[in-house]
Amino acid sequence: MLQAEGGGKAKLRTQWNEVYKVVYSEKLGGMASEFDRMHSVHRSLSVGALNRIISPANLRPYLIHAVERGMRLEDAARKADLEIVEAA
């Protein structure tokens, strides 16, 4: 490509760009496949990256419970702050 001149150089550059895109896409796809083969939700659970796997059927009740638990904690913290202020 370095020795080509004029229109030949442009044609070679275009061909090179097309080949590069194809090879890059193939390599990226290969990396993605290898990643998917190695990593899964169950593997994450087994190595401690996740605490639990929640089934779709249990997700809504779990989220509702988590929000309610957070609201209770915030309410308790707010009451403790008020007691400190009132005691002062």
PDB file of N, CA and C in Angstrom:
ATOM      1  N   MET A   1       0.836  -1.187   0.000  1.00  0.00           N
ATOM      2  CA  MET A   1       0.000   0.000   0.000  1.00  0.00           C
ATOM      3  C   MET A   1       0.879   1.249   0.000  1.00  0.00           C
ATOM      4  N   LEU A   2       2.031   1.170   0.669  1.00  0.00           N
ATOM      5  CA  LEU A   2       2.924   2.326   0.715  1.00  0.00           C
ATOM      6  C   LEU A   2       3.488   2.665  -0.659  1.00  0.00           C
ATOM      7  N   GLN A   3       3.650   1.651  -1.498  1.00  0.00           N
ATOM      8  CA  GLN A   3       4.263   1.885  -2.802  1.00  0.00           C
ATOM      9  C   GLN A   3       3.236   2.188  -3.886  1.00  0.00           C
ATOM     10  N   ALA A   4       1.973   2.011  -3.611  1.00  0.00           N
ATOM     11  CA  ALA A   4       0.932   2.292  -4.603  1.00  0.00           C
ATOM     12  C   ALA A   4       0.822   3.792  -4.829  1.00  0.00           C
ATOM     13  N   GLU A   5       0.347   4.150  -6.006  1.00  0.00           N
ATOM     14  CA  GLU A   5       0.219   5.569  -6.340  1.00  0.00           C
ATOM     15  C   GLU A   5      -1.199   5.885  -6.778  1.00  0.00           C
ATOM     16  N   GLY A   6      -1.581   7.133  -6.542  1.00  0.00           N
ATOM     17  CA  GLY A   6      -2.842   7.668  -7.049  1.00  0.00           C
ATOM     18  C   GLY A   6      -4.059   6.873  -6.640  1.00  0.00           C
ATOM     19  N   GLY A   7      -4.873   6.537  -7.678  1.00  0.00           N
ATOM     20  CA  GLY A   7      -6.130   5.813  -7.450  1.00  0.00           C
ATOM     21  C   GLY A   7      -5.916   4.424  -6.895  1.00  0.00           C
ATOM     22  N   GLY A   8      -4.781   3.830  -7.217  1.00  0.00           N
ATOM     23  CA  GLY A   8      -4.486   2.503  -6.685  1.00  0.00           C
ATOM     24  C   GLY A   8      -4.358   2.518  -5.180  1.00  0.00           C
ATOM     25  N   LYS A   9      -3.763   3.577  -4.672  1.00  0.00           N
ATOM     26  CA  LYS A   9      -3.593   3.706  -3.219  1.00  0.00           C
ATOM     27  C   LYS A   9      -4.950   3.849  -2.531  1.00  0.00           C
ATOM     28  N   ALA A  10      -5.839   4.640  -3.123  1.00  0.00           N
ATOM     29  CA  ALA A  10      -7.174   4.837  -2.550  1.00  0.00           C
ATOM     30  C   ALA A  10      -7.963   3.530  -2.566  1.00  0.00           C
ATOM     31  N   LYS A  11      -7.816   2.776  -3.679  1.00  0.00           N
ATOM     32  CA  LYS A  11      -8.520   1.498  -3.779  1.00  0.00           C
ATOM     33  C   LYS A  11      -8.000   0.521  -2.726  1.00  0.00           C
ATOM     34  N   LEU A  12      -6.701   0.453  -2.552  1.00  0.00           N
ATOM     35  CA  LEU A  12      -6.118  -0.427  -1.544  1.00  0.00           C
ATOM     36  C   LEU A  12      -6.543  -0.025  -0.141  1.00  0.00           C
ATOM     37  N   ARG A  13      -6.593   1.275   0.113  1.00  0.00           N
ATOM     38  CA  ARG A  13      -7.020   1.767   1.428  1.00  0.00           C
ATOM     39  C   ARG A  13      -8.459   1.352   1.694  1.00  0.00           C
ATOM     40  N   THR A  14      -9.325   1.482   0.701  1.00  0.00           N
ATOM     41  CA  THR A  14     -10.731   1.081   0.855  1.00  0.00           C
ATOM     42  C   THR A  14     -10.837  -0.407   1.134  1.00  0.00           C
ATOM     43  N   GLN A  15     -10.099  -1.226   0.388  1.00  0.00           N
ATOM     44  CA  GLN A  15     -10.109  -2.671   0.615  1.00  0.00           C
ATOM     45  C   GLN A  15      -9.584  -3.009   2.009  1.00  0.00           C
ATOM     46  N   TRP A  16      -8.521  -2.345   2.404  1.00  0.00           N
ATOM     47  CA  TRP A  16      -7.951  -2.591   3.727  1.00  0.00           C
ATOM     48  C   TRP A  16      -8.963  -2.266   4.816  1.00  0.00           C
ATOM     49  N   ASN A  17      -9.655  -1.135   4.672  1.00  0.00           N
ATOM     50  CA  ASN A  17     -10.665  -0.737   5.669  1.00  0.00           C
ATOM     51  C   ASN A  17     -11.777  -1.774   5.765  1.00  0.00           C
ATOM     52  N   GLU A  18     -12.206  -2.317   4.622  1.00  0.00           N
ATOM     53  CA  GLU A  18     -13.266  -3.328   4.627  1.00  0.00           C
ATOM     54  C   GLU A  18     -12.793  -4.602   5.312  1.00  0.00           C
ATOM     55  N   VAL A  19     -11.591  -5.041   4.989  1.00  0.00           N
ATOM     56  CA  VAL A  19     -11.049  -6.249   5.606  1.00  0.00           C
ATOM     57  C   VAL A  19     -10.858  -6.032   7.107  1.00  0.00           C
ATOM     58  N   TYR A  20     -10.377  -4.855   7.474  1.00  0.00           N
ATOM     59  CA  TYR A  20     -10.168  -4.543   8.893  1.00  0.00           C
ATOM     60  C   TYR A  20     -11.479  -4.650   9.663  1.00  0.00           C
ATOM     61  N   LYS A  21     -12.556  -4.094   9.113  1.00  0.00           N
ATOM     62  CA  LYS A  21     -13.854  -4.138   9.804  1.00  0.00           C
ATOM     63  C   LYS A  21     -14.327  -5.572  10.006  1.00  0.00           C
ATOM     64  N   VAL A  22     -14.141  -6.419   8.985  1.00  0.00           N
ATOM     65  CA  VAL A  22     -14.569  -7.814   9.074  1.00  0.00           C
ATOM     66  C   VAL A  22     -13.751  -8.549  10.145  1.00  0.00           C
ATOM     67  N   VAL A  23     -12.434  -8.393  10.100  1.00  0.00           N
ATOM     68  CA  VAL A  23     -11.571  -9.079  11.063  1.00  0.00           C
ATOM     69  C   VAL A  23     -11.839  -8.579  12.475  1.00  0.00           C
ATOM     70  N   TYR A  24     -11.979  -7.274  12.634  1.00  0.00           N
ATOM     71  CA  TYR A  24     -12.260  -6.696  13.950  1.00  0.00           C
ATOM     72  C   TYR A  24     -13.566  -7.255  14.504  1.00  0.00           C
ATOM     73  N   SER A  25     -14.602  -7.315  13.672  1.00  0.00           N
ATOM     74  CA  SER A  25     -15.899  -7.826  14.100  1.00  0.00           C
ATOM     75  C   SER A  25     -15.797  -9.290  14.513  1.00  0.00           C
ATOM     76  N   GLU A  26     -15.052 -10.082  13.735  1.00  0.00           N
ATOM     77  CA  GLU A  26     -14.876 -11.501  14.071  1.00  0.00           C
ATOM     78  C   GLU A  26     -14.147 -11.666  15.399  1.00  0.00           C
ATOM     79  N   LYS A  27     -13.095 -10.902  15.612  1.00  0.00           N
ATOM     80  CA  LYS A  27     -12.326 -11.002  16.852  1.00  0.00           C
ATOM     81  C   LYS A  27     -13.167 -10.561  18.041  1.00  0.00           C
ATOM     82  N   LEU A  28     -13.915  -9.478  17.878  1.00  0.00           N
ATOM     83  CA  LEU A  28     -14.775  -8.986  18.949  1.00  0.00           C
ATOM     84  C   LEU A  28     -15.848 -10.023  19.291  1.00  0.00           C
ATOM     85  N   GLY A  29     -16.423 -10.644  18.279  1.00  0.00           N
ATOM     86  CA  GLY A  29     -17.416 -11.689  18.497  1.00  0.00           C
ATOM     87  C   GLY A  29     -16.819 -12.872  19.233  1.00  0.00           C
ATOM     88  N   GLY A  30     -15.572 -13.227  18.887  1.00  0.00           N
ATOM     89  CA  GLY A  30     -14.896 -14.324  19.573  1.00  0.00           C
ATOM     90  C   GLY A  30     -14.661 -14.019  21.037  1.00  0.00           C
ATOM     91  N   MET A  31     -14.247 -12.792  21.320  1.00  0.00           N
ATOM     92  CA  MET A  31     -14.043 -12.383  22.719  1.00  0.00           C
ATOM     93  C   MET A  31     -15.353 -12.420  23.482  1.00  0.00           C
ATOM     94  N   ALA A  32     -16.423 -11.948  22.852  1.00  0.00           N
ATOM     95  CA  ALA A  32     -17.735 -11.941  23.515  1.00  0.00           C
ATOM     96  C   ALA A  32     -18.192 -13.369  23.809  1.00  0.00           C
ATOM     97  N   SER A  33     -17.969 -14.260  22.861  1.00  0.00           N
ATOM     98  CA  SER A  33     -18.362 -15.662  23.070  1.00  0.00           C
ATOM     99  C   SER A  33     -17.579 -16.280  24.221  1.00  0.00           C
ATOM    100  N   GLU A  34     -16.285 -16.002  24.270  1.00  0.00           N
ATOM    101  CA  GLU A  34     -15.469 -16.537  25.357  1.00  0.00           C
ATOM    102  C   GLU A  34     -15.905 -15.971  26.704  1.00  0.00           C
ATOM    103  N   PHE A  35     -16.211 -14.678  26.743  1.00  0.00           N
ATOM    104  CA  PHE A  35     -16.690 -14.048  27.976  1.00  0.00           C
ATOM    105  C   PHE A  35     -17.994 -14.710  28.425  1.00  0.00           C
ATOM    106  N   ASP A  36     -18.920 -14.877  27.483  1.00  0.00           N
ATOM    107  CA  ASP A  36     -20.207 -15.482  27.827  1.00  0.00           C
ATOM    108  C   ASP A  36     -20.044 -16.925  28.294  1.00  0.00           C
ATOM    109  N   ARG A  37     -19.076 -17.637  27.712  1.00  0.00           N
ATOM    110  CA  ARG A  37     -18.845 -19.022  28.101  1.00  0.00           C
ATOM    111  C   ARG A  37     -18.317 -19.096  29.538  1.00  0.00           C
ATOM    112  N   MET A  38     -17.497 -18.120  29.921  1.00  0.00           N
ATOM    113  CA  MET A  38     -16.868 -18.145  31.236  1.00  0.00           C
ATOM    114  C   MET A  38     -17.737 -17.539  32.335  1.00  0.00           C
ATOM    115  N   HIS A  39     -18.527 -16.536  31.994  1.00  0.00           N
ATOM    116  CA  HIS A  39     -19.255 -15.786  33.014  1.00  0.00           C
ATOM    117  C   HIS A  39     -20.746 -16.074  32.942  1.00  0.00           C
ATOM    118  N   SER A  40     -21.317 -16.304  34.104  1.00  0.00           N
ATOM    119  CA  SER A  40     -22.758 -16.508  34.198  1.00  0.00           C
ATOM    120  C   SER A  40     -23.216 -16.019  35.568  1.00  0.00           C
ATOM    121  N   VAL A  41     -24.495 -15.899  35.723  1.00  0.00           N
ATOM    122  CA  VAL A  41     -25.059 -15.483  37.004  1.00  0.00           C
ATOM    123  C   VAL A  41     -24.734 -16.525  38.071  1.00  0.00           C
ATOM    124  N   HIS A  42     -24.806 -17.798  37.686  1.00  0.00           N
ATOM    125  CA  HIS A  42     -24.532 -18.861  38.653  1.00  0.00           C
ATOM    126  C   HIS A  42     -23.065 -18.858  39.078  1.00  0.00           C
ATOM    127  N   ARG A  43     -22.165 -18.552  38.144  1.00  0.00           N
ATOM    128  CA  ARG A  43     -20.745 -18.449  38.504  1.00  0.00           C
ATOM    129  C   ARG A  43     -20.540 -17.274  39.451  1.00  0.00           C
ATOM    130  N   SER A  44     -21.179 -16.154  39.158  1.00  0.00           N
ATOM    131  CA  SER A  44     -21.065 -14.978  40.032  1.00  0.00           C
ATOM    132  C   SER A  44     -21.541 -15.301  41.442  1.00  0.00           C
ATOM    133  N   LEU A  45     -22.603 -16.062  41.539  1.00  0.00           N
ATOM    134  CA  LEU A  45     -23.121 -16.464  42.848  1.00  0.00           C
ATOM    135  C   LEU A  45     -22.112 -17.361  43.562  1.00  0.00           C
ATOM    136  N   SER A  46     -21.503 -18.291  42.825  1.00  0.00           N
ATOM    137  CA  SER A  46     -20.576 -19.233  43.456  1.00  0.00           C
ATOM    138  C   SER A  46     -19.290 -18.568  43.931  1.00  0.00           C
ATOM    139  N   VAL A  47     -18.871 -17.483  43.301  1.00  0.00           N
ATOM    140  CA  VAL A  47     -17.637 -16.809  43.734  1.00  0.00           C
ATOM    141  C   VAL A  47     -17.916 -15.650  44.687  1.00  0.00           C
ATOM    142  N   GLY A  48     -19.184 -15.446  45.033  1.00  0.00           N
ATOM    143  CA  GLY A  48     -19.526 -14.426  46.026  1.00  0.00           C
ATOM    144  C   GLY A  48     -19.784 -13.037  45.474  1.00  0.00           C
ATOM    145  N   ALA A  49     -19.861 -12.904  44.157  1.00  0.00           N
ATOM    146  CA  ALA A  49     -20.139 -11.594  43.578  1.00  0.00           C
ATOM    147  C   ALA A  49     -21.616 -11.217  43.710  1.00  0.00           C
ATOM    148  N   LEU A  50     -22.462 -12.208  43.926  1.00  0.00           N
ATOM    149  CA  LEU A  50     -23.890 -11.989  44.152  1.00  0.00           C
ATOM    150  C   LEU A  50     -24.290 -12.662  45.455  1.00  0.00           C
ATOM    151  N   ASN A  51     -25.294 -12.111  46.131  1.00  0.00           N
ATOM    152  CA  ASN A  51     -25.804 -12.717  47.356  1.00  0.00           C
ATOM    153  C   ASN A  51     -26.846 -13.784  47.070  1.00  0.00           C
ATOM    154  N   ARG A  52     -27.654 -13.549  46.058  1.00  0.00           N
ATOM    155  CA  ARG A  52     -28.714 -14.502  45.714  1.00  0.00           C
ATOM    156  C   ARG A  52     -29.196 -14.216  44.303  1.00  0.00           C
ATOM    157  N   ILE A  53     -29.885 -15.209  43.758  1.00  0.00           N
ATOM    158  CA  ILE A  53     -30.540 -15.050  42.457  1.00  0.00           C
ATOM    159  C   ILE A  53     -32.033 -15.012  42.742  1.00  0.00           C
ATOM    160  N   ILE A  54     -32.679 -13.964  42.299  1.00  0.00           N
ATOM    161  CA  ILE A  54     -34.108 -13.785  42.551  1.00  0.00           C
ATOM    162  C   ILE A  54     -34.863 -14.136  41.278  1.00  0.00           C
ATOM    163  N   SER A  55     -35.787 -15.059  41.395  1.00  0.00           N
ATOM    164  CA  SER A  55     -36.570 -15.455  40.226  1.00  0.00           C
ATOM    165  C   SER A  55     -37.495 -14.314  39.821  1.00  0.00           C
ATOM    166  N   PRO A  56     -37.867 -14.247  38.560  1.00  0.00           N
ATOM    167  CA  PRO A  56     -38.784 -13.186  38.118  1.00  0.00           C
ATOM    168  C   PRO A  56     -40.084 -13.161  38.921  1.00  0.00           C
ATOM    169  N   ALA A  57     -40.574 -14.322  39.312  1.00  0.00           N
ATOM    170  CA  ALA A  57     -41.831 -14.386  40.077  1.00  0.00           C
ATOM    171  C   ALA A  57     -41.687 -13.748  41.456  1.00  0.00           C
ATOM    172  N   ASN A  58     -40.467 -13.762  42.006  1.00  0.00           N
ATOM    173  CA  ASN A  58     -40.246 -13.222  43.352  1.00  0.00           C
ATOM    174  C   ASN A  58     -39.654 -11.815  43.350  1.00  0.00           C
ATOM    175  N   LEU A  59     -39.370 -11.277  42.173  1.00  0.00           N
ATOM    176  CA  LEU A  59     -38.698  -9.981  42.116  1.00  0.00           C
ATOM    177  C   LEU A  59     -39.552  -8.850  42.685  1.00  0.00           C
ATOM    178  N   ARG A  60     -40.803  -8.763  42.278  1.00  0.00           N
ATOM    179  CA  ARG A  60     -41.663  -7.675  42.768  1.00  0.00           C
ATOM    180  C   ARG A  60     -41.812  -7.708  44.294  1.00  0.00           C
ATOM    181  N   PRO A  61     -42.168  -8.848  44.900  1.00  0.00           N
ATOM    182  CA  PRO A  61     -42.267  -8.878  46.365  1.00  0.00           C
ATOM    183  C   PRO A  61     -40.936  -8.540  47.045  1.00  0.00           C
ATOM    184  N   TYR A  62     -39.833  -9.006  46.470  1.00  0.00           N
ATOM    185  CA  TYR A  62     -38.515  -8.712  47.052  1.00  0.00           C
ATOM    186  C   TYR A  62     -38.251  -7.206  47.034  1.00  0.00           C
ATOM    187  N   LEU A  63     -38.532  -6.556  45.911  1.00  0.00           N
ATOM    188  CA  LEU A  63     -38.294  -5.107  45.813  1.00  0.00           C
ATOM    189  C   LEU A  63     -39.202  -4.327  46.760  1.00  0.00           C
ATOM    190  N   ILE A  64     -40.450  -4.732  46.859  1.00  0.00           N
ATOM    191  CA  ILE A  64     -41.375  -4.052  47.779  1.00  0.00           C
ATOM    192  C   ILE A  64     -40.865  -4.173  49.209  1.00  0.00           C
ATOM    193  N   HIS A  65     -40.443  -5.368  49.588  1.00  0.00           N
ATOM    194  CA  HIS A  65     -39.911  -5.584  50.933  1.00  0.00           C
ATOM    195  C   HIS A  65     -38.651  -4.742  51.166  1.00  0.00           C
ATOM    196  N   ALA A  66     -37.781  -4.673  50.175  1.00  0.00           N
ATOM    197  CA  ALA A  66     -36.538  -3.903  50.312  1.00  0.00           C
ATOM    198  C   ALA A  66     -36.839  -2.416  50.487  1.00  0.00           C
ATOM    199  N   VAL A  67     -37.789  -1.890  49.732  1.00  0.00           N
ATOM    200  CA  VAL A  67     -38.158  -0.474  49.869  1.00  0.00           C
ATOM    201  C   VAL A  67     -38.775  -0.227  51.242  1.00  0.00           C
ATOM    202  N   GLU A  68     -39.659  -1.101  51.679  1.00  0.00           N
ATOM    203  CA  GLU A  68     -40.277  -0.941  53.005  1.00  0.00           C
ATOM    204  C   GLU A  68     -39.226  -1.005  54.104  1.00  0.00           C
ATOM    205  N   ARG A  69     -38.267  -1.934  53.969  1.00  0.00           N
ATOM    206  CA  ARG A  69     -37.184  -2.057  54.956  1.00  0.00           C
ATOM    207  C   ARG A  69     -36.352  -0.769  54.984  1.00  0.00           C
ATOM    208  N   GLY A  70     -36.048  -0.227  53.834  1.00  0.00           N
ATOM    209  CA  GLY A  70     -35.296   1.026  53.765  1.00  0.00           C
ATOM    210  C   GLY A  70     -36.066   2.187  54.373  1.00  0.00           C
ATOM    211  N   MET A  71     -37.364   2.222  54.144  1.00  0.00           N
ATOM    212  CA  MET A  71     -38.192   3.287  54.720  1.00  0.00           C
ATOM    213  C   MET A  71     -38.207   3.193  56.242  1.00  0.00           C
ATOM    214  N   ARG A  72     -38.299   1.958  56.784  1.00  0.00           N
ATOM    215  CA  ARG A  72     -38.275   1.788  58.242  1.00  0.00           C
ATOM    216  C   ARG A  72     -36.945   2.249  58.829  1.00  0.00           C
ATOM    217  N   LEU A  73     -35.843   1.909  58.157  1.00  0.00           N
ATOM    218  CA  LEU A  73     -34.521   2.332  58.636  1.00  0.00           C
ATOM    219  C   LEU A  73     -34.388   3.858  58.622  1.00  0.00           C
ATOM    220  N   GLU A  74     -34.856   4.477  57.553  1.00  0.00           N
ATOM    221  CA  GLU A  74     -34.806   5.942  57.484  1.00  0.00           C
ATOM    222  C   GLU A  74     -35.675   6.575  58.563  1.00  0.00           C
ATOM    223  N   ASP A  75     -36.837   6.009  58.790  1.00  0.00           N
ATOM    224  CA  ASP A  75     -37.738   6.531  59.819  1.00  0.00           C
ATOM    225  C   ASP A  75     -37.104   6.406  61.199  1.00  0.00           C
ATOM    226  N   ALA A  76     -36.477   5.274  61.474  1.00  0.00           N
ATOM    227  CA  ALA A  76     -35.812   5.064  62.766  1.00  0.00           C
ATOM    228  C   ALA A  76     -34.652   6.048  62.936  1.00  0.00           C
ATOM    229  N   ALA A  77     -33.888   6.284  61.877  1.00  0.00           N
ATOM    230  CA  ALA A  77     -32.767   7.228  61.953  1.00  0.00           C
ATOM    231  C   ALA A  77     -33.277   8.648  62.192  1.00  0.00           C
ATOM    232  N   ARG A  78     -34.363   9.004  61.538  1.00  0.00           N
ATOM    233  CA  ARG A  78     -34.938  10.345  61.717  1.00  0.00           C
ATOM    234  C   ARG A  78     -35.441  10.517  63.149  1.00  0.00           C
ATOM    235  N   LYS A  79     -36.070   9.484  63.715  1.00  0.00           N
ATOM    236  CA  LYS A  79     -36.558   9.568  65.099  1.00  0.00           C
ATOM    237  C   LYS A  79     -35.391   9.687  66.066  1.00  0.00           C
ATOM    238  N   ALA A  80     -34.306   8.955  65.793  1.00  0.00           N
ATOM    239  CA  ALA A  80     -33.120   9.031  66.668  1.00  0.00           C
ATOM    240  C   ALA A  80     -32.519  10.439  66.615  1.00  0.00           C
ATOM    241  N   ASP A  81     -32.485  11.036  65.437  1.00  0.00           N
ATOM    242  CA  ASP A  81     -31.978  12.409  65.298  1.00  0.00           C
ATOM    243  C   ASP A  81     -32.836  13.400  66.077  1.00  0.00           C
ATOM    244  N   LEU A  82     -34.151  13.210  66.020  1.00  0.00           N
ATOM    245  CA  LEU A  82     -35.057  14.093  66.748  1.00  0.00           C
ATOM    246  C   LEU A  82     -34.863  13.965  68.254  1.00  0.00           C
ATOM    247  N   GLU A  83     -34.654  12.741  68.735  1.00  0.00           N
ATOM    248  CA  GLU A  83     -34.450  12.517  70.171  1.00  0.00           C
ATOM    249  C   GLU A  83     -33.155  13.208  70.630  1.00  0.00           C
ATOM    250  N   ILE A  84     -32.128  13.182  69.787  1.00  0.00           N
ATOM    251  CA  ILE A  84     -30.866  13.843  70.133  1.00  0.00           C
ATOM    252  C   ILE A  84     -31.067  15.356  70.219  1.00  0.00           C
ATOM    253  N   VAL A  85     -31.815  15.896  69.259  1.00  0.00           N
ATOM    254  CA  VAL A  85     -32.055  17.350  69.239  1.00  0.00           C
ATOM    255  C   VAL A  85     -32.904  17.757  70.445  1.00  0.00           C
ATOM    256  N   GLU A  86     -33.930  16.980  70.759  1.00  0.00           N
ATOM    257  CA  GLU A  86     -34.804  17.308  71.878  1.00  0.00           C
ATOM    258  C   GLU A  86     -34.066  17.194  73.208  1.00  0.00           C
ATOM    259  N   ALA A  87     -33.104  16.275  73.316  1.00  0.00           N
ATOM    260  CA  ALA A  87     -32.346  16.098  74.553  1.00  0.00           C
ATOM    261  C   ALA A  87     -31.360  17.234  74.770  1.00  0.00           C
ATOM    262  N   ALA A  88     -30.988  17.913  73.718  1.00  0.00           N
ATOM    263  CA  ALA A  88     -29.956  18.970  73.836  1.00  0.00           C
ATOM    264  C   ALA A  88     -30.502  20.240  74.363  1.00  0.00           C
TER     265      ALA A  88
END
